[in-house]
C-alpha atoms as a PDB file:
ATOM      1  CA  UNK A   1     -11.104  12.202  -6.022  1.00  0.00           C
ATOM      2  CA  UNK A   2     -12.138  12.132  -2.385  1.00  0.00           C
ATOM      3  CA  UNK A   3     -14.628   9.838  -0.649  1.00  0.00           C
ATOM      4  CA  UNK A   4     -17.560  12.223  -1.108  1.00  0.00           C
ATOM      5  CA  UNK A   5     -16.869  12.413  -4.853  1.00  0.00           C
ATOM      6  CA  UNK A   6     -16.703   8.615  -5.025  1.00  0.00           C
ATOM      7  CA  UNK A   7     -20.042   8.312  -3.219  1.00  0.00           C
ATOM      8  CA  UNK A   8     -21.677  10.623  -5.757  1.00  0.00           C
ATOM      9  CA  UNK A   9     -20.425   8.785  -8.849  1.00  0.00           C
ATOM     10  CA  UNK A  10     -20.829   5.167  -7.691  1.00  0.00           C
ATOM     11  CA  UNK A  11     -23.659   3.421  -5.859  1.00  0.00           C
ATOM     12  CA  UNK A  12     -22.560   2.272  -2.373  1.00  0.00           C
ATOM     13  CA  UNK A  13     -22.947  -1.415  -3.205  1.00  0.00           C
ATOM     14  CA  UNK A  14     -20.465  -1.041  -6.101  1.00  0.00           C
ATOM     15  CA  UNK A  15     -17.700   0.697  -4.110  1.00  0.00           C
ATOM     16  CA  UNK A  16     -14.726  -1.625  -3.671  1.00  0.00           C
ATOM     17  CA  UNK A  17     -11.690  -1.506  -1.409  1.00  0.00           C
ATOM     18  CA  UNK A  18      -9.618  -0.694  -4.508  1.00  0.00           C
ATOM     19  CA  UNK A  19     -11.842   2.342  -5.107  1.00  0.00           C
ATOM     20  CA  UNK A  20     -11.025   3.528  -1.581  1.00  0.00           C
ATOM     21  CA  UNK A  21      -7.290   3.146  -2.273  1.00  0.00           C
ATOM     22  CA  UNK A  22      -7.710   5.669  -5.096  1.00  0.00           C
ATOM     23  CA  UNK A  23      -9.266   8.283  -2.774  1.00  0.00           C
ATOM     24  CA  UNK A  24      -7.413  11.417  -1.738  1.00  0.00           C
ATOM     25  CA  UNK A  25      -7.856  10.468   1.926  1.00  0.00           C
ATOM     26  CA  UNK A  26      -5.694   7.370   1.382  1.00  0.00           C
ATOM     27  CA  UNK A  27      -3.165   9.295  -0.708  1.00  0.00           C
ATOM     28  CA  UNK A  28      -2.797  11.821   2.130  1.00  0.00           C
ATOM     29  CA  UNK A  29      -2.348   9.073   4.736  1.00  0.00           C
ATOM     30  CA  UNK A  30       0.249   7.338   2.535  1.00  0.00           C
ATOM     31  CA  UNK A  31       2.245  10.572   2.246  1.00  0.00           C
ATOM     32  CA  UNK A  32       2.183  10.980   6.060  1.00  0.00           C
ATOM     33  CA  UNK A  33       3.589   7.464   6.473  1.00  0.00           C
ATOM     34  CA  UNK A  34       6.209   8.006   3.740  1.00  0.00           C
ATOM     35  CA  UNK A  35       7.350  11.220   5.468  1.00  0.00           C
ATOM     36  CA  UNK A  36       7.450   9.560   8.873  1.00  0.00           C
ATOM     37  CA  UNK A  37       9.585   6.718   7.473  1.00  0.00           C
ATOM     38  CA  UNK A  38      11.820   9.179   5.574  1.00  0.00           C
ATOM     39  CA  UNK A  39      10.847   7.762   2.175  1.00  0.00           C
ATOM     40  CA  UNK A  40      12.700   4.498   2.751  1.00  0.00           C
ATOM     41  CA  UNK A  41      11.676   0.889   3.117  1.00  0.00           C
ATOM     42  CA  UNK A  42      11.273  -0.119   6.769  1.00  0.00           C
ATOM     43  CA  UNK A  43      12.545  -3.582   5.883  1.00  0.00           C
ATOM     44  CA  UNK A  44      15.574  -3.168   3.580  1.00  0.00           C
ATOM     45  CA  UNK A  45      16.201   0.600   4.007  1.00  0.00           C
ATOM     46  CA  UNK A  46      16.234   1.292   0.262  1.00  0.00           C
ATOM     47  CA  UNK A  47      15.054   4.798  -0.558  1.00  0.00           C
ATOM     48  CA  UNK A  48      12.525   5.907  -3.123  1.00  0.00           C
ATOM     49  CA  UNK A  49      14.110   6.726  -6.469  1.00  0.00           C
ATOM     50  CA  UNK A  50      13.362   9.544  -8.858  1.00  0.00           C
ATOM     51  CA  UNK A  51      13.281   9.072 -12.613  1.00  0.00           C
ATOM     52  CA  UNK A  52      15.375  11.436 -14.735  1.00  0.00           C
ATOM     53  CA  UNK A  53      16.145  11.520 -18.434  1.00  0.00           C
ATOM     54  CA  UNK A  54      19.678  12.062 -19.648  1.00  0.00           C
ATOM     55  CA  UNK A  55      20.791  11.731 -23.259  1.00  0.00           C
ATOM     56  CA  UNK A  56      17.573   9.907 -24.161  1.00  0.00           C
ATOM     57  CA  UNK A  57      18.110   7.299 -21.406  1.00  0.00           C
ATOM     58  CA  UNK A  58      16.128   6.842 -18.227  1.00  0.00           C
ATOM     59  CA  UNK A  59      18.164   6.915 -15.042  1.00  0.00           C
ATOM     60  CA  UNK A  60      17.076   6.486 -11.442  1.00  0.00           C
ATOM     61  CA  UNK A  61      18.430   8.396  -8.475  1.00  0.00           C
ATOM     62  CA  UNK A  62      17.798   8.396  -4.747  1.00  0.00           C
ATOM     63  CA  UNK A  63      18.211  11.437  -2.566  1.00  0.00           C
ATOM     64  CA  UNK A  64      21.187  11.163  -0.231  1.00  0.00           C
ATOM     65  CA  UNK A  65      20.129  13.176   2.800  1.00  0.00           C
ATOM     66  CA  UNK A  66      22.408  14.488   5.499  1.00  0.00           C
ATOM     67  CA  UNK A  67      21.967  16.509   8.664  1.00  0.00           C
ATOM     68  CA  UNK A  68      22.500  19.703   6.717  1.00  0.00           C
ATOM     69  CA  UNK A  69      20.238  20.365   3.739  1.00  0.00           C
ATOM     70  CA  UNK A  70      23.132  22.019   1.869  1.00  0.00           C
ATOM     71  CA  UNK A  71      24.961  18.695   1.485  1.00  0.00           C
ATOM     72  CA  UNK A  72      22.099  16.687  -0.051  1.00  0.00           C
ATOM     73  CA  UNK A  73      23.029  14.895  -3.247  1.00  0.00           C
ATOM     74  CA  UNK A  74      21.690  12.361  -5.703  1.00  0.00           C
ATOM     75  CA  UNK A  75      22.992   8.793  -5.810  1.00  0.00           C
ATOM     76  CA  UNK A  76      22.449   6.759  -8.961  1.00  0.00           C
ATOM     77  CA  UNK A  77      20.398   3.595  -8.561  1.00  0.00           C
ATOM     78  CA  UNK A  78      20.431   0.627 -10.937  1.00  0.00           C
ATOM     79  CA  UNK A  79      16.690   0.138 -10.662  1.00  0.00           C
ATOM     80  CA  UNK A  80      13.588   2.076  -9.705  1.00  0.00           C
ATOM     81  CA  UNK A  81      12.557   1.733  -6.062  1.00  0.00           C
ATOM     82  CA  UNK A  82       8.844   2.224  -5.565  1.00  0.00           C
ATOM     83  CA  UNK A  83       7.430   2.564  -2.101  1.00  0.00           C
ATOM     84  CA  UNK A  84       4.100   1.353  -0.796  1.00  0.00           C
ATOM     85  CA  UNK A  85       2.346   1.446   2.550  1.00  0.00           C
ATOM     86  CA  UNK A  86       1.676  -1.925   4.144  1.00  0.00           C
ATOM     87  CA  UNK A  87      -1.152  -2.580   6.614  1.00  0.00           C
ATOM     88  CA  UNK A  88       0.231  -4.821   9.377  1.00  0.00           C
ATOM     89  CA  UNK A  89      -3.359  -5.898  10.020  1.00  0.00           C
ATOM     90  CA  UNK A  90      -6.834  -5.157   8.752  1.00  0.00           C
ATOM     91  CA  UNK A  91      -9.951  -4.218  10.674  1.00  0.00           C
ATOM     92  CA  UNK A  92     -13.146  -5.455   9.073  1.00  0.00           C
ATOM     93  CA  UNK A  93     -14.845  -2.628   7.131  1.00  0.00           C
ATOM     94  CA  UNK A  94     -12.300   0.063   8.067  1.00  0.00           C
ATOM     95  CA  UNK A  95     -11.343   2.495   5.370  1.00  0.00           C
ATOM     96  CA  UNK A  96      -7.649   2.172   4.412  1.00  0.00           C
ATOM     97  CA  UNK A  97      -6.830   5.517   6.073  1.00  0.00           C
ATOM     98  CA  UNK A  98      -8.666   4.737   9.345  1.00  0.00           C
ATOM     99  CA  UNK A  99      -5.693   3.026  11.010  1.00  0.00           C
ATOM    100  CA  UNK A 100      -3.313   4.218  13.687  1.00  0.00           C
ATOM    101  CA  UNK A 101       0.064   5.111  12.232  1.00  0.00           C
ATOM    102  CA  UNK A 102       1.714   2.201  14.072  1.00  0.00           C
ATOM    103  CA  UNK A 103      -0.370  -0.201  11.954  1.00  0.00           C
ATOM    104  CA  UNK A 104       1.193   1.143   8.741  1.00  0.00           C
ATOM    105  CA  UNK A 105       4.763   0.886   7.455  1.00  0.00           C
ATOM    106  CA  UNK A 106       6.597   2.005   4.352  1.00  0.00           C
ATOM    107  CA  UNK A 107       8.012  -0.849   2.292  1.00  0.00           C
ATOM    108  CA  UNK A 108       9.414  -1.163  -1.212  1.00  0.00           C
ATOM    109  CA  UNK A 109       7.414  -3.252  -3.697  1.00  0.00           C
ATOM    110  CA  UNK A 110       9.771  -6.206  -3.415  1.00  0.00           C
ATOM    111  CA  UNK A 111       9.589  -6.326   0.398  1.00  0.00           C
ATOM    112  CA  UNK A 112       5.817  -5.837   0.262  1.00  0.00           C
ATOM    113  CA  UNK A 113       5.555  -8.824  -2.042  1.00  0.00           C
ATOM    114  CA  UNK A 114       7.762 -10.876   0.308  1.00  0.00           C
ATOM    115  CA  UNK A 115       5.586  -9.954   3.303  1.00  0.00           C
ATOM    116  CA  UNK A 116       2.413 -11.092   1.553  1.00  0.00           C
ATOM    117  CA  UNK A 117       4.088 -14.228   0.189  1.00  0.00           C
ATOM    118  CA  UNK A 118       5.350 -15.370   3.587  1.00  0.00           C
ATOM    119  CA  UNK A 119       3.055 -13.925   6.247  1.00  0.00           C
ATOM    120  CA  UNK A 120      -0.663 -14.048   6.877  1.00  0.00           C
ATOM    121  CA  UNK A 121      -2.051 -10.584   7.568  1.00  0.00           C
ATOM    122  CA  UNK A 122      -4.569 -10.765  10.448  1.00  0.00           C
ATOM    123  CA  UNK A 123      -8.089  -9.403  10.038  1.00  0.00           C
ATOM    124  CA  UNK A 124      -9.686  -8.143  13.246  1.00  0.00           C
ATOM    125  CA  UNK A 125     -13.331  -7.512  14.008  1.00  0.00           C
ATOM    126  CA  UNK A 126     -14.463  -3.873  14.452  1.00  0.00           C
ATOM    127  CA  UNK A 127     -13.631  -3.657  18.174  1.00  0.00           C
ATOM    128  CA  UNK A 128     -10.302  -5.513  17.707  1.00  0.00           C
ATOM    129  CA  UNK A 129     -11.198  -8.211  20.220  1.00  0.00           C
ATOM    130  CA  UNK A 130     -11.114 -11.193  17.875  1.00  0.00           C
ATOM    131  CA  UNK A 131      -9.138 -12.172  14.825  1.00  0.00           C
ATOM    132  CA  UNK A 132     -11.553 -13.317  12.167  1.00  0.00           C
ATOM    133  CA  UNK A 133     -10.581 -16.439  10.266  1.00  0.00           C
ATOM    134  CA  UNK A 134     -11.514 -16.412   6.620  1.00  0.00           C
ATOM    135  CA  UNK A 135     -10.571 -18.953   4.043  1.00  0.00           C
ATOM    136  CA  UNK A 136      -7.704 -18.119   1.724  1.00  0.00           C
ATOM    137  CA  UNK A 137      -8.585 -16.237  -1.431  1.00  0.00           C
ATOM    138  CA  UNK A 138      -9.033 -18.841  -4.157  1.00  0.00           C
ATOM    139  CA  UNK A 139      -7.671 -16.505  -6.833  1.00  0.00           C
ATOM    140  CA  UNK A 140      -4.257 -15.754  -5.283  1.00  0.00           C
ATOM    141  CA  UNK A 141      -4.050 -18.781  -2.935  1.00  0.00           C
ATOM    142  CA  UNK A 142      -3.921 -16.505   0.099  1.00  0.00           C
ATOM    143  CA  UNK A 143      -0.874 -14.487  -0.983  1.00  0.00           C
ATOM    144  CA  UNK A 144      -2.734 -11.247  -1.778  1.00  0.00           C
ATOM    145  CA  UNK A 145      -0.663 -10.846  -4.939  1.00  0.00           C
ATOM    146  CA  UNK A 146      -0.354 -12.495  -8.327  1.00  0.00           C
ATOM    147  CA  UNK A 147       3.200 -12.296  -9.668  1.00  0.00           C
ATOM    148  CA  UNK A 148       2.064 -12.724 -13.267  1.00  0.00           C
ATOM    149  CA  UNK A 149       0.111  -9.445 -12.949  1.00  0.00           C
ATOM    150  CA  UNK A 150       2.982  -7.492 -11.394  1.00  0.00           C
ATOM    151  CA  UNK A 151       2.543  -4.814 -14.077  1.00  0.00           C
ATOM    152  CA  UNK A 152      -0.981  -3.937 -12.820  1.00  0.00           C
ATOM    153  CA  UNK A 153      -1.169  -2.465  -9.303  1.00  0.00           C
ATOM    154  CA  UNK A 154       2.024  -4.441  -8.559  1.00  0.00           C
ATOM    155  CA  UNK A 155       0.036  -7.657  -8.865  1.00  0.00           C
ATOM    156  CA  UNK A 156      -2.341  -6.925  -5.980  1.00  0.00           C
ATOM    157  CA  UNK A 157      -5.187  -9.411  -6.165  1.00  0.00           C
ATOM    158  CA  UNK A 158      -8.388  -7.562  -7.009  1.00  0.00           C
ATOM    159  CA  UNK A 159     -10.571 -10.299  -5.571  1.00  0.00           C
ATOM    160  CA  UNK A 160      -9.229 -10.005  -2.005  1.00  0.00           C
ATOM    161  CA  UNK A 161      -7.727  -6.482  -2.331  1.00  0.00           C
ATOM    162  CA  UNK A 162      -4.352  -7.814  -1.244  1.00  0.00           C
ATOM    163  CA  UNK A 163      -5.515  -9.297   2.071  1.00  0.00           C
ATOM    164  CA  UNK A 164      -5.106 -12.923   0.945  1.00  0.00           C
ATOM    165  CA  UNK A 165      -8.420 -13.822   2.566  1.00  0.00           C
ATOM    166  CA  UNK A 166     -11.982 -14.146   1.404  1.00  0.00           C
ATOM    167  CA  UNK A 167     -12.821 -11.113   3.517  1.00  0.00           C
ATOM    168  CA  UNK A 168     -16.284  -9.921   2.597  1.00  0.00           C
ATOM    169  CA  UNK A 169     -15.718  -6.188   2.038  1.00  0.00           C
ATOM    170  CA  UNK A 170     -18.947  -4.271   2.044  1.00  0.00           C
ATOM    171  CA  UNK A 171     -18.825  -0.533   1.749  1.00  0.00           C
ATOM    172  CA  UNK A 172     -20.674   1.119   4.614  1.00  0.00           C
ATOM    173  CA  UNK A 173     -21.029   4.895   4.432  1.00  0.00           C
ATOM    174  CA  UNK A 174     -20.083   6.704   7.645  1.00  0.00           C
ATOM    175  CA  UNK A 175     -22.879   8.605   9.310  1.00  0.00           C
END
């Protein structure tokens, strides 16, 4: 579903940041960042794995790339590596895909969790002149994630949309 579809099925005041993350525009931007970063975590360099079934068992493999495409191979991985795109900062009321590429990095879920656990992600005003200070989200204590809900959206806090702050997101249609 793209943004226009979302706007037709949901009233503007009910559109959340999580709804925007489900839009095709964000999915396209994520793929651009994944490609740029060669489908590997910018922090720990682990590569995305692919799930394959063999003899009724699930196995995970990462693509071992070389200069020449003919020599690519699969390397078995002990665990699945899922990649996500991390916003190094937020701009108040920007859509998730409305950021310069330098503001976005590919990270694995574990590194993404570590970033949000140990670093405060700045929120800028629209013209990026001032960092806006908001109180910490009272649901996730400012971490942006809830470990006990790791199985749903990797534990991203739905109250603060992963920002860790009580940022008042209000959907504003673009004119």
